[in-house]
Amino acid sequence: MANRQKEYPLMEINLLPLEFRRTKMDLSWLSDVRVVWSTFAFILLTLFLSLVYYYISETTHELERAVEQTRQAVEKERPLLEKIKELDEKLAVIKQKSDALRSIQVSRKRWVILFEDLSTALPPGTWITGITQETDKMDLTCATWNFSEVALYMLKLEQKESVTGVSLTSISATKVNNEDAYNFSLKVSFNPALGLEDGVR
């Protein structure tokens, strides 16, 4: 078995004077795997962050441009929107006036129909002496020469389409021009649709 000679690393000895010596740079760290991968990872991270920043910046600019375009469109259409608002206000006023006029017309027609029915239903010897009106009701104060005409008047009123109910609230004997007569009071309920276009008459 041959004897192997032991190898020793070479040693460099610089015998030059100090003023002529040159220091040799150690660049072996550049070939270190850890340094290479760390540098590569740093470059990738920097590139990724740059792309993200660019994307966010572009998206923000696009949104700002869209907002500005929308604002300009709104400003361009603002006179039209104000005109529409003005027309809506005028239409609301016209509708209020129309409703008020219609209410007056309905109310007038209602009372014309109701008083016509109250008068045409009166028997020959009976007359009305007072009227008190509520929402859809009224109190009638009447007088008659004949007691039987009280029931006759109530019956005729109930036959009218404008009347929904009649009730006797009081009756008493009295004298009219020294002749026997009767005072009586009726509560009359009338149709709330009275006078409307699709209601009674």
C-alpha atoms as a PDB file:
ATOM      1  CA  MET A   1       0.000   0.000   0.000  1.00  0.00           C
ATOM      2  CA  ALA A   2       1.562   3.169  -1.190  1.00  0.00           C
ATOM      3  CA  ASN A   3       2.046   5.897   1.300  1.00  0.00           C
ATOM      4  CA  ARG A   4      -0.016   8.976   0.479  1.00  0.00           C
ATOM      5  CA  GLN A   5       1.652  12.281   0.929  1.00  0.00           C
ATOM      6  CA  LYS A   6      -0.241  14.773   3.017  1.00  0.00           C
ATOM      7  CA  GLU A   7      -1.289  17.891   1.056  1.00  0.00           C
ATOM      8  CA  TYR A   8      -1.116  21.276   2.700  1.00  0.00           C
ATOM      9  CA  PRO A   9      -2.707  24.475   1.379  1.00  0.00           C
ATOM     10  CA  LEU A  10      -0.388  26.863  -0.326  1.00  0.00           C
ATOM     11  CA  MET A  11       0.539  29.901   1.626  1.00  0.00           C
ATOM     12  CA  GLU A  12       1.376  33.145  -0.088  1.00  0.00           C
ATOM     13  CA  ILE A  13       4.134  35.229   1.386  1.00  0.00           C
ATOM     14  CA  ASN A  14       4.469  38.791   0.203  1.00  0.00           C
ATOM     15  CA  LEU A  15       8.067  39.879   0.510  1.00  0.00           C
ATOM     16  CA  LEU A  16       7.563  43.298  -1.032  1.00  0.00           C
ATOM     17  CA  PRO A  17       8.129  46.367   1.103  1.00  0.00           C
ATOM     18  CA  LEU A  18       4.989  47.829   2.708  1.00  0.00           C
ATOM     19  CA  GLU A  19       4.764  50.778   0.333  1.00  0.00           C
ATOM     20  CA  PHE A  20       4.584  48.424  -2.649  1.00  0.00           C
ATOM     21  CA  ARG A  21       2.218  45.851  -1.275  1.00  0.00           C
ATOM     22  CA  ARG A  22      -1.362  45.569  -2.647  1.00  0.00           C
ATOM     23  CA  THR A  23      -4.183  44.094  -0.640  1.00  0.00           C
ATOM     24  CA  LYS A  24      -6.092  41.404  -2.511  1.00  0.00           C
ATOM     25  CA  MET A  25      -9.901  41.818  -2.309  1.00  0.00           C
ATOM     26  CA  ASP A  26     -11.860  38.845  -1.025  1.00  0.00           C
ATOM     27  CA  LEU A  27     -14.815  38.354  -3.426  1.00  0.00           C
ATOM     28  CA  SER A  28     -15.659  34.854  -2.384  1.00  0.00           C
ATOM     29  CA  TRP A  29     -18.847  36.038  -0.647  1.00  0.00           C
ATOM     30  CA  LEU A  30     -20.372  36.791  -4.053  1.00  0.00           C
ATOM     31  CA  SER A  31     -20.540  33.093  -4.808  1.00  0.00           C
ATOM     32  CA  ASP A  32     -22.255  32.302  -1.498  1.00  0.00           C
ATOM     33  CA  VAL A  33     -25.663  30.644  -2.177  1.00  0.00           C
ATOM     34  CA  ARG A  34     -27.363  32.505   0.658  1.00  0.00           C
ATOM     35  CA  VAL A  35     -26.318  35.852  -0.751  1.00  0.00           C
ATOM     36  CA  VAL A  36     -27.424  34.925  -4.268  1.00  0.00           C
ATOM     37  CA  TRP A  37     -30.894  33.780  -3.227  1.00  0.00           C
ATOM     38  CA  SER A  38     -31.386  36.691  -0.853  1.00  0.00           C
ATOM     39  CA  THR A  39     -30.504  39.130  -3.618  1.00  0.00           C
ATOM     40  CA  PHE A  40     -32.805  37.339  -6.071  1.00  0.00           C
ATOM     41  CA  ALA A  41     -35.681  37.376  -3.548  1.00  0.00           C
ATOM     42  CA  PHE A  42     -35.128  41.090  -2.858  1.00  0.00           C
ATOM     43  CA  ILE A  43     -35.252  41.872  -6.586  1.00  0.00           C
ATOM     44  CA  LEU A  44     -38.487  39.867  -7.010  1.00  0.00           C
ATOM     45  CA  LEU A  45     -40.089  41.562  -4.003  1.00  0.00           C
ATOM     46  CA  THR A  46     -39.112  45.002  -5.276  1.00  0.00           C
ATOM     47  CA  LEU A  47     -40.523  44.165  -8.715  1.00  0.00           C
ATOM     48  CA  PHE A  48     -43.789  42.845  -7.190  1.00  0.00           C
ATOM     49  CA  LEU A  49     -44.245  45.910  -4.988  1.00  0.00           C
ATOM     50  CA  SER A  50     -43.577  48.163  -7.976  1.00  0.00           C
ATOM     51  CA  LEU A  51     -46.254  46.375 -10.016  1.00  0.00           C
ATOM     52  CA  VAL A  52     -48.756  46.599  -7.143  1.00  0.00           C
ATOM     53  CA  TYR A  53     -48.052  50.300  -6.690  1.00  0.00           C
ATOM     54  CA  TYR A  54     -48.440  50.869 -10.445  1.00  0.00           C
ATOM     55  CA  TYR A  55     -51.754  48.970 -10.507  1.00  0.00           C
ATOM     56  CA  ILE A  56     -53.132  50.859  -7.498  1.00  0.00           C
ATOM     57  CA  SER A  57     -51.987  54.172  -8.936  1.00  0.00           C
ATOM     58  CA  GLU A  58     -53.603  53.482 -12.313  1.00  0.00           C
ATOM     59  CA  THR A  59     -56.834  52.271 -10.698  1.00  0.00           C
ATOM     60  CA  THR A  60     -56.984  55.399  -8.539  1.00  0.00           C
ATOM     61  CA  HIS A  61     -56.439  57.622 -11.553  1.00  0.00           C
ATOM     62  CA  GLU A  62     -59.173  55.790 -13.487  1.00  0.00           C
ATOM     63  CA  LEU A  63     -61.622  56.238 -10.612  1.00  0.00           C
ATOM     64  CA  GLU A  64     -60.739  59.905 -10.307  1.00  0.00           C
ATOM     65  CA  ARG A  65     -61.309  60.381 -14.023  1.00  0.00           C
ATOM     66  CA  ALA A  66     -64.659  58.569 -13.817  1.00  0.00           C
ATOM     67  CA  VAL A  67     -65.749  60.729 -10.870  1.00  0.00           C
ATOM     68  CA  GLU A  68     -64.716  63.879 -12.705  1.00  0.00           C
ATOM     69  CA  GLN A  69     -66.618  62.813 -15.836  1.00  0.00           C
ATOM     70  CA  THR A  70     -69.710  62.071 -13.740  1.00  0.00           C
ATOM     71  CA  ARG A  71     -69.446  65.436 -12.003  1.00  0.00           C
ATOM     72  CA  GLN A  72     -69.132  67.212 -15.333  1.00  0.00           C
ATOM     73  CA  ALA A  73     -72.157  65.329 -16.694  1.00  0.00           C
ATOM     74  CA  VAL A  74     -74.203  66.287 -13.623  1.00  0.00           C
ATOM     75  CA  GLU A  75     -73.120  69.922 -13.933  1.00  0.00           C
ATOM     76  CA  LYS A  76     -74.066  69.850 -17.602  1.00  0.00           C
ATOM     77  CA  GLU A  77     -77.540  68.500 -16.818  1.00  0.00           C
ATOM     78  CA  ARG A  78     -78.077  70.675 -13.723  1.00  0.00           C
ATOM     79  CA  PRO A  79     -80.194  73.330 -15.557  1.00  0.00           C
ATOM     80  CA  LEU A  80     -82.480  70.551 -16.824  1.00  0.00           C
ATOM     81  CA  LEU A  81     -82.760  69.034 -13.335  1.00  0.00           C
ATOM     82  CA  GLU A  82     -83.621  72.433 -11.870  1.00  0.00           C
ATOM     83  CA  LYS A  83     -86.231  72.922 -14.607  1.00  0.00           C
ATOM     84  CA  ILE A  84     -87.770  69.524 -13.797  1.00  0.00           C
ATOM     85  CA  LYS A  85     -87.824  70.396 -10.087  1.00  0.00           C
ATOM     86  CA  GLU A  86     -89.509  73.715 -10.877  1.00  0.00           C
ATOM     87  CA  LEU A  87     -92.129  71.951 -13.014  1.00  0.00           C
ATOM     88  CA  ASP A  88     -92.779  69.411 -10.246  1.00  0.00           C
ATOM     89  CA  GLU A  89     -93.387  72.246  -7.777  1.00  0.00           C
ATOM     90  CA  LYS A  90     -95.783  73.938 -10.204  1.00  0.00           C
ATOM     91  CA  LEU A  91     -97.627  70.648 -10.765  1.00  0.00           C
ATOM     92  CA  ALA A  92     -97.963  70.188  -6.995  1.00  0.00           C
ATOM     93  CA  VAL A  93     -99.500  73.678  -6.677  1.00  0.00           C
ATOM     94  CA  ILE A  94    -101.856  73.015  -9.591  1.00  0.00           C
ATOM     95  CA  LYS A  95    -102.902  69.693  -8.031  1.00  0.00           C
ATOM     96  CA  GLN A  96    -103.647  71.412  -4.702  1.00  0.00           C
ATOM     97  CA  LYS A  97    -105.807  74.002  -6.429  1.00  0.00           C
ATOM     98  CA  SER A  98    -107.536  71.332  -8.493  1.00  0.00           C
ATOM     99  CA  ASP A  99    -108.286  69.249  -5.381  1.00  0.00           C
ATOM    100  CA  ALA A 100    -109.617  72.332  -3.583  1.00  0.00           C
ATOM    101  CA  LEU A 101    -111.885  73.260  -6.512  1.00  0.00           C
ATOM    102  CA  ARG A 102    -113.076  69.659  -6.814  1.00  0.00           C
ATOM    103  CA  SER A 103    -113.823  69.563  -3.094  1.00  0.00           C
ATOM    104  CA  ILE A 104    -115.868  72.769  -3.369  1.00  0.00           C
ATOM    105  CA  GLN A 105    -117.705  71.402  -6.384  1.00  0.00           C
ATOM    106  CA  VAL A 106    -118.451  68.085  -4.666  1.00  0.00           C
ATOM    107  CA  SER A 107    -119.551  69.847  -1.473  1.00  0.00           C
ATOM    108  CA  ARG A 108    -121.853  72.165  -3.413  1.00  0.00           C
ATOM    109  CA  LYS A 109    -123.359  69.304  -5.414  1.00  0.00           C
ATOM    110  CA  ARG A 110    -123.771  67.261  -2.225  1.00  0.00           C
ATOM    111  CA  TRP A 111    -125.813  69.924  -0.472  1.00  0.00           C
ATOM    112  CA  VAL A 112    -127.952  70.610  -3.549  1.00  0.00           C
ATOM    113  CA  ILE A 113    -128.865  66.918  -3.792  1.00  0.00           C
ATOM    114  CA  LEU A 114    -129.388  66.523  -0.056  1.00  0.00           C
ATOM    115  CA  PHE A 115    -131.655  69.561   0.390  1.00  0.00           C
ATOM    116  CA  GLU A 116    -133.600  68.559  -2.685  1.00  0.00           C
ATOM    117  CA  ASP A 117    -134.250  65.128  -1.135  1.00  0.00           C
ATOM    118  CA  LEU A 118    -135.120  66.640   2.263  1.00  0.00           C
ATOM    119  CA  SER A 119    -137.652  69.010   0.740  1.00  0.00           C
ATOM    120  CA  THR A 120    -139.279  66.612  -1.741  1.00  0.00           C
ATOM    121  CA  ALA A 121    -139.830  64.040   1.018  1.00  0.00           C
ATOM    122  CA  LEU A 122    -141.765  66.501   3.235  1.00  0.00           C
ATOM    123  CA  PRO A 123    -145.452  65.652   3.669  1.00  0.00           C
ATOM    124  CA  PRO A 124    -147.924  68.503   2.953  1.00  0.00           C
ATOM    125  CA  GLY A 125    -148.477  69.425   6.627  1.00  0.00           C
ATOM    126  CA  THR A 126    -144.831  69.234   7.753  1.00  0.00           C
ATOM    127  CA  TRP A 127    -142.025  71.818   7.581  1.00  0.00           C
ATOM    128  CA  ILE A 128    -138.383  72.113   8.660  1.00  0.00           C
ATOM    129  CA  THR A 129    -137.543  74.673  11.363  1.00  0.00           C
ATOM    130  CA  GLY A 130    -133.812  74.034  11.863  1.00  0.00           C
ATOM    131  CA  ILE A 131    -130.797  72.127  10.593  1.00  0.00           C
ATOM    132  CA  THR A 132    -127.528  71.309  12.373  1.00  0.00           C
ATOM    133  CA  GLN A 133    -124.844  69.652  10.208  1.00  0.00           C
ATOM    134  CA  GLU A 134    -122.010  67.334  11.233  1.00  0.00           C
ATOM    135  CA  THR A 135    -119.571  65.346   9.046  1.00  0.00           C
ATOM    136  CA  ASP A 136    -121.909  62.848   7.393  1.00  0.00           C
ATOM    137  CA  LYS A 137    -124.922  63.516   9.603  1.00  0.00           C
ATOM    138  CA  MET A 138    -127.371  66.275  10.377  1.00  0.00           C
ATOM    139  CA  ASP A 139    -130.018  67.012  12.999  1.00  0.00           C
ATOM    140  CA  LEU A 140    -133.369  68.171  11.639  1.00  0.00           C
ATOM    141  CA  THR A 141    -135.888  70.092  13.755  1.00  0.00           C
ATOM    142  CA  CYS A 142    -139.332  69.894  12.214  1.00  0.00           C
ATOM    143  CA  ALA A 143    -142.968  70.721  12.953  1.00  0.00           C
ATOM    144  CA  THR A 144    -146.156  69.102  11.710  1.00  0.00           C
ATOM    145  CA  TRP A 145    -149.912  69.388  12.086  1.00  0.00           C
ATOM    146  CA  ASN A 146    -150.441  65.668  11.823  1.00  0.00           C
ATOM    147  CA  PHE A 147    -148.729  63.160  14.128  1.00  0.00           C
ATOM    148  CA  SER A 148    -148.777  60.424  11.451  1.00  0.00           C
ATOM    149  CA  GLU A 149    -146.738  62.572   9.094  1.00  0.00           C
ATOM    150  CA  VAL A 150    -143.693  62.127  11.356  1.00  0.00           C
ATOM    151  CA  ALA A 151    -143.481  58.407  10.469  1.00  0.00           C
ATOM    152  CA  LEU A 152    -144.338  59.200   6.824  1.00  0.00           C
ATOM    153  CA  TYR A 153    -141.492  61.713   6.566  1.00  0.00           C
ATOM    154  CA  MET A 154    -139.013  59.254   8.066  1.00  0.00           C
ATOM    155  CA  LEU A 155    -140.148  56.541   5.638  1.00  0.00           C
ATOM    156  CA  LYS A 156    -139.767  58.808   2.596  1.00  0.00           C
ATOM    157  CA  LEU A 157    -136.311  59.919   3.710  1.00  0.00           C
ATOM    158  CA  GLU A 158    -135.103  56.322   4.082  1.00  0.00           C
ATOM    159  CA  GLN A 159    -136.169  55.679   0.475  1.00  0.00           C
ATOM    160  CA  LYS A 160    -133.809  58.374  -0.817  1.00  0.00           C
ATOM    161  CA  GLU A 161    -130.448  57.171  -2.206  1.00  0.00           C
ATOM    162  CA  SER A 162    -128.678  60.071  -0.528  1.00  0.00           C
ATOM    163  CA  VAL A 163    -129.831  58.997   2.957  1.00  0.00           C
ATOM    164  CA  THR A 164    -128.375  55.988   4.759  1.00  0.00           C
ATOM    165  CA  GLY A 165    -130.299  56.215   8.034  1.00  0.00           C
ATOM    166  CA  VAL A 166    -133.026  58.152   9.888  1.00  0.00           C
ATOM    167  CA  SER A 167    -133.815  58.063  13.608  1.00  0.00           C
ATOM    168  CA  LEU A 168    -136.314  59.977  15.756  1.00  0.00           C
ATOM    169  CA  THR A 169    -134.592  61.709  18.685  1.00  0.00           C
ATOM    170  CA  SER A 170    -137.502  63.648  20.213  1.00  0.00           C
ATOM    171  CA  ILE A 171    -141.157  64.601  19.739  1.00  0.00           C
ATOM    172  CA  SER A 172    -143.448  66.891  21.700  1.00  0.00           C
ATOM    173  CA  ALA A 173    -146.857  68.558  21.409  1.00  0.00           C
ATOM    174  CA  THR A 174    -147.020  72.331  20.877  1.00  0.00           C
ATOM    175  CA  LYS A 175    -149.280  75.148  19.714  1.00  0.00           C
ATOM    176  CA  VAL A 176    -148.846  76.977  16.424  1.00  0.00           C
ATOM    177  CA  ASN A 177    -151.209  79.911  15.891  1.00  0.00           C
ATOM    178  CA  ASN A 178    -153.369  78.471  18.698  1.00  0.00           C
ATOM    179  CA  GLU A 179    -153.672  75.191  16.831  1.00  0.00           C
ATOM    180  CA  ASP A 180    -152.381  71.794  17.948  1.00  0.00           C
ATOM    181  CA  ALA A 181    -149.074  70.780  16.350  1.00  0.00           C
ATOM    182  CA  TYR A 182    -146.027  68.622  17.044  1.00  0.00           C
ATOM    183  CA  ASN A 183    -142.313  69.439  17.193  1.00  0.00           C
ATOM    184  CA  PHE A 184    -139.928  66.569  16.452  1.00  0.00           C
ATOM    185  CA  SER A 185    -136.227  66.060  15.832  1.00  0.00           C
ATOM    186  CA  LEU A 186    -134.582  63.624  13.435  1.00  0.00           C
ATOM    187  CA  LYS A 187    -130.981  62.505  13.050  1.00  0.00           C
ATOM    188  CA  VAL A 188    -130.273  61.890   9.371  1.00  0.00           C
ATOM    189  CA  SER A 189    -127.144  60.105   8.092  1.00  0.00           C
ATOM    190  CA  PHE A 190    -126.300  60.681   4.445  1.00  0.00           C
ATOM    191  CA  ASN A 191    -124.092  58.801   1.997  1.00  0.00           C
ATOM    192  CA  PRO A 192    -120.412  59.939   2.246  1.00  0.00           C
ATOM    193  CA  ALA A 193    -120.074  59.361  -1.532  1.00  0.00           C
ATOM    194  CA  LEU A 194    -122.888  61.790  -2.181  1.00  0.00           C
ATOM    195  CA  GLY A 195    -121.960  64.188  -4.983  1.00  0.00           C
ATOM    196  CA  LEU A 196    -118.907  62.255  -6.165  1.00  0.00           C
ATOM    197  CA  GLU A 197    -118.615  61.333  -9.841  1.00  0.00           C
ATOM    198  CA  ASP A 198    -118.812  57.596  -9.149  1.00  0.00           C
ATOM    199  CA  GLY A 199    -121.041  57.994  -6.089  1.00  0.00           C
ATOM    200  CA  VAL A 200    -124.702  58.788  -5.647  1.00  0.00           C
ATOM    201  CA  ARG A 201    -125.954  60.925  -8.523  1.00  0.00           C
END
